[in-house]
């Protein structure tokens, strides 16, 4: 492994450990000294990779936001759109619980009072609940989704996904649910 690959791997280790600690203790409660100690590195070396705790947090939030920007413009089959997205998230969480932890991190980063301003701005660039409303409306028009307020249905759907991700993050032995169970919230 060359030096660039080693540096990339170390950076990834830092991100994963910081994710664990930010989810456990929150952004404010996590100290850079704790992250460095958990990685068996000096705090100075940690700052070589990320100049501040906020820069580290921002990088994680950017990664999380990229991971949930999943909606395209084409809505041929609204049921399939949601099913595929939810199935994708659950499969990724099955492969790595870090994916489930990322849901917790993004949710917390959208709390303006506890999040640095720049991080908050990035975290709130994604609004899966509101972005889902037009797809739900299309599904209702096509007769594949139940009637009801599309925003409330979206809220219920994504909070079910969020709740499952939080449970998966806390319970590594838990099996991921079937995406069809979550889809029953929308299905007619």
Protein backbone atom coordinates (compact mmCIF):
# COMPACT_ATOMS: atom_id res chain seq x y z
CA UNK A 1 0.00 0.00 0.00
CA UNK A 2 1.44 3.36 -1.00
CA UNK A 3 1.43 6.51 1.13
CA UNK A 4 -1.62 8.05 -0.58
CA UNK A 5 -3.63 4.86 0.00
CA UNK A 6 -2.52 4.75 3.65
CA UNK A 7 -3.59 8.36 4.12
CA UNK A 8 -6.97 7.69 2.52
CA UNK A 9 -7.50 4.64 4.73
CA UNK A 10 -6.54 6.56 7.88
CA UNK A 11 -8.91 9.38 6.91
CA UNK A 12 -11.71 6.81 6.51
CA UNK A 13 -10.90 5.35 9.96
CA UNK A 14 -11.13 8.83 11.48
CA UNK A 15 -14.49 9.47 9.83
CA UNK A 16 -15.93 6.16 11.04
CA UNK A 17 -14.71 6.62 14.62
CA UNK A 18 -15.95 10.22 14.69
CA UNK A 19 -19.33 9.03 13.38
CA UNK A 20 -19.56 6.51 16.21
CA UNK A 21 -18.69 9.12 18.84
CA UNK A 22 -20.89 11.87 17.39
CA UNK A 23 -23.84 9.45 17.39
CA UNK A 24 -23.07 8.29 20.95
CA UNK A 25 -22.28 11.65 22.55
CA UNK A 26 -23.50 14.27 20.10
CA UNK A 27 -21.37 16.89 18.40
CA UNK A 28 -21.01 19.10 21.48
CA UNK A 29 -20.30 16.17 23.80
CA UNK A 30 -17.57 14.68 21.63
CA UNK A 31 -14.06 16.01 22.15
CA UNK A 32 -11.32 15.73 19.52
CA UNK A 33 -9.08 14.30 22.23
CA UNK A 34 -11.55 11.38 22.59
CA UNK A 35 -11.59 10.74 18.84
CA UNK A 36 -7.78 10.75 18.71
CA UNK A 37 -7.51 8.46 21.75
CA UNK A 38 -10.02 5.98 20.29
CA UNK A 39 -7.86 5.85 17.14
CA UNK A 40 -4.62 5.59 19.12
CA UNK A 41 -3.24 8.72 17.51
CA UNK A 42 -2.23 12.12 18.78
CA UNK A 43 -4.68 14.98 18.62
CA UNK A 44 -2.12 16.83 16.49
CA UNK A 45 -2.17 14.05 13.91
CA UNK A 46 -5.97 14.13 13.90
CA UNK A 47 -5.78 17.87 13.14
CA UNK A 48 -3.44 17.07 10.26
CA UNK A 49 -6.37 15.26 8.60
CA UNK A 50 -9.13 17.60 9.81
CA UNK A 51 -8.10 21.06 11.07
CA UNK A 52 -11.08 21.35 13.47
CA UNK A 53 -13.82 19.23 14.98
CA UNK A 54 -16.30 21.23 12.91
CA UNK A 55 -14.41 20.35 9.69
CA UNK A 56 -14.63 16.68 10.61
CA UNK A 57 -18.34 16.97 11.40
CA UNK A 58 -18.94 18.89 8.17
CA UNK A 59 -17.22 16.17 6.13
CA UNK A 60 -19.43 13.49 7.70
CA UNK A 61 -22.59 15.52 7.09
CA UNK A 62 -21.59 16.11 3.46
CA UNK A 63 -21.14 12.36 3.01
CA UNK A 64 -24.52 11.71 4.62
CA UNK A 65 -26.31 14.29 2.49
CA UNK A 66 -24.78 12.83 -0.67
CA UNK A 67 -26.07 9.43 0.39
CA UNK A 68 -29.68 10.53 0.74
CA UNK A 69 -30.02 12.64 -2.39
CA UNK A 70 -31.75 9.83 -4.19
CA UNK A 71 -34.67 11.24 -6.10
CA UNK A 72 -34.47 11.55 -9.86
CA UNK A 73 -36.85 13.36 -12.13
CA UNK A 74 -38.40 10.27 -13.73
CA UNK A 75 -41.45 8.93 -11.89
CA UNK A 76 -42.75 6.11 -14.06
CA UNK A 77 -43.48 3.77 -11.16
CA UNK A 78 -43.86 5.64 -7.84
CA UNK A 79 -44.06 2.42 -5.79
CA UNK A 80 -40.80 1.18 -7.29
CA UNK A 81 -39.09 4.52 -6.65
CA UNK A 82 -39.70 4.30 -2.90
CA UNK A 83 -39.28 0.55 -2.65
CA UNK A 84 -35.90 0.66 -4.39
CA UNK A 85 -34.66 3.55 -2.26
CA UNK A 86 -35.73 1.97 1.02
CA UNK A 87 -34.41 -1.44 -0.02
CA UNK A 88 -31.10 0.20 -0.97
CA UNK A 89 -30.81 1.94 2.41
CA UNK A 90 -31.65 -1.24 4.32
CA UNK A 91 -29.18 -3.34 2.29
CA UNK A 92 -26.44 -0.78 2.91
CA UNK A 93 -27.29 -0.78 6.63
CA UNK A 94 -27.08 -4.58 6.61
CA UNK A 95 -23.58 -4.35 5.10
CA UNK A 96 -22.46 -1.61 7.50
CA UNK A 97 -24.25 -0.17 10.52
CA UNK A 98 -22.43 3.07 9.77
CA UNK A 99 -25.13 3.74 7.19
CA UNK A 100 -27.78 3.53 9.91
CA UNK A 101 -25.67 5.79 12.13
CA UNK A 102 -25.47 8.31 9.32
CA UNK A 103 -29.28 8.69 9.47
CA UNK A 104 -28.94 9.64 13.14
CA UNK A 105 -26.10 12.05 12.41
CA UNK A 106 -28.01 13.88 9.66
CA UNK A 107 -31.15 14.08 11.77
CA UNK A 108 -29.20 15.66 14.63
CA UNK A 109 -27.31 18.00 12.30
CA UNK A 110 -30.66 19.44 11.22
CA UNK A 111 -31.13 20.85 14.75
CA UNK A 112 -30.10 24.48 14.41
CA UNK A 113 -29.49 25.06 18.13
CA UNK A 114 -26.92 22.25 18.46
CA UNK A 115 -25.15 22.45 15.11
CA UNK A 116 -22.54 24.86 13.77
CA UNK A 117 -24.09 27.15 11.16
CA UNK A 118 -22.14 25.87 8.14
CA UNK A 119 -22.89 22.25 9.03
CA UNK A 120 -26.57 23.06 9.57
CA UNK A 121 -26.79 24.69 6.13
CA UNK A 122 -25.38 21.55 4.48
CA UNK A 123 -27.55 19.20 6.54
CA UNK A 124 -30.73 21.05 5.60
CA UNK A 125 -30.06 20.96 1.86
CA UNK A 126 -31.89 17.66 1.85
CA UNK A 127 -35.55 17.37 2.80
CA UNK A 128 -36.58 13.85 1.92
CA UNK A 129 -40.05 14.31 3.42
CA UNK A 130 -40.96 17.28 1.23
CA UNK A 131 -39.10 15.90 -1.80
CA UNK A 132 -41.29 12.79 -1.60
CA UNK A 133 -44.61 14.63 -1.79
CA UNK A 134 -44.77 14.94 -5.62
CA UNK A 135 -43.94 11.24 -5.99
CA UNK A 136 -46.68 10.31 -3.52
CA UNK A 137 -49.13 12.56 -5.37
CA UNK A 138 -48.22 10.80 -8.64
CA UNK A 139 -48.75 7.43 -6.95
CA UNK A 140 -52.13 8.54 -5.67
CA UNK A 141 -53.18 9.70 -9.15
CA UNK A 142 -52.08 6.35 -10.58
CA UNK A 143 -54.04 4.53 -7.89
CA UNK A 144 -51.07 2.71 -6.33
CA UNK A 145 -50.89 4.76 -3.11
CA UNK A 146 -53.61 5.24 -0.52
CA UNK A 147 -55.47 8.51 -0.35
CA UNK A 148 -54.63 11.04 2.31
CA UNK A 149 -52.47 14.07 2.79
CA UNK A 150 -49.25 13.39 0.82
CA UNK A 151 -47.12 15.33 3.30
CA UNK A 152 -48.47 13.31 6.24
CA UNK A 153 -47.91 10.06 4.34
CA UNK A 154 -44.36 11.10 3.50
CA UNK A 155 -43.73 12.08 7.10
CA UNK A 156 -44.99 8.70 8.31
CA UNK A 157 -42.99 6.77 5.70
CA UNK A 158 -39.66 8.49 6.35
CA UNK A 159 -40.08 8.47 10.11
CA UNK A 160 -40.60 4.70 9.91
CA UNK A 161 -37.35 4.44 7.95
CA UNK A 162 -35.59 6.76 10.43
CA UNK A 163 -36.86 4.78 13.41
CA UNK A 164 -35.67 1.52 11.89
CA UNK A 165 -32.26 2.99 11.10
CA UNK A 166 -31.92 4.20 14.69
CA UNK A 167 -32.84 0.72 15.96
CA UNK A 168 -30.34 -0.88 13.57
CA UNK A 169 -27.60 1.49 14.73
CA UNK A 170 -28.22 0.60 18.38
CA UNK A 171 -28.77 -3.14 17.84
CA UNK A 172 -26.10 -4.67 15.59
CA UNK A 173 -27.70 -8.11 15.90
CA UNK A 174 -31.07 -6.90 14.63
CA UNK A 175 -32.10 -8.00 11.15
CA UNK A 176 -33.01 -5.30 8.68
CA UNK A 177 -36.72 -5.11 8.00
CA UNK A 178 -38.32 -5.94 4.69
CA UNK A 179 -38.82 -2.80 2.59
CA UNK A 180 -42.34 -4.04 1.77
CA UNK A 181 -43.31 -3.60 5.42
CA UNK A 182 -42.43 0.07 5.24
CA UNK A 183 -44.10 0.40 1.84
CA UNK A 184 -47.38 -0.81 3.34
CA UNK A 185 -47.65 2.72 4.77
CA UNK A 186 -48.22 4.00 1.23
CA UNK A 187 -49.66 1.04 -0.66
CA UNK A 188 -53.31 1.07 -1.51
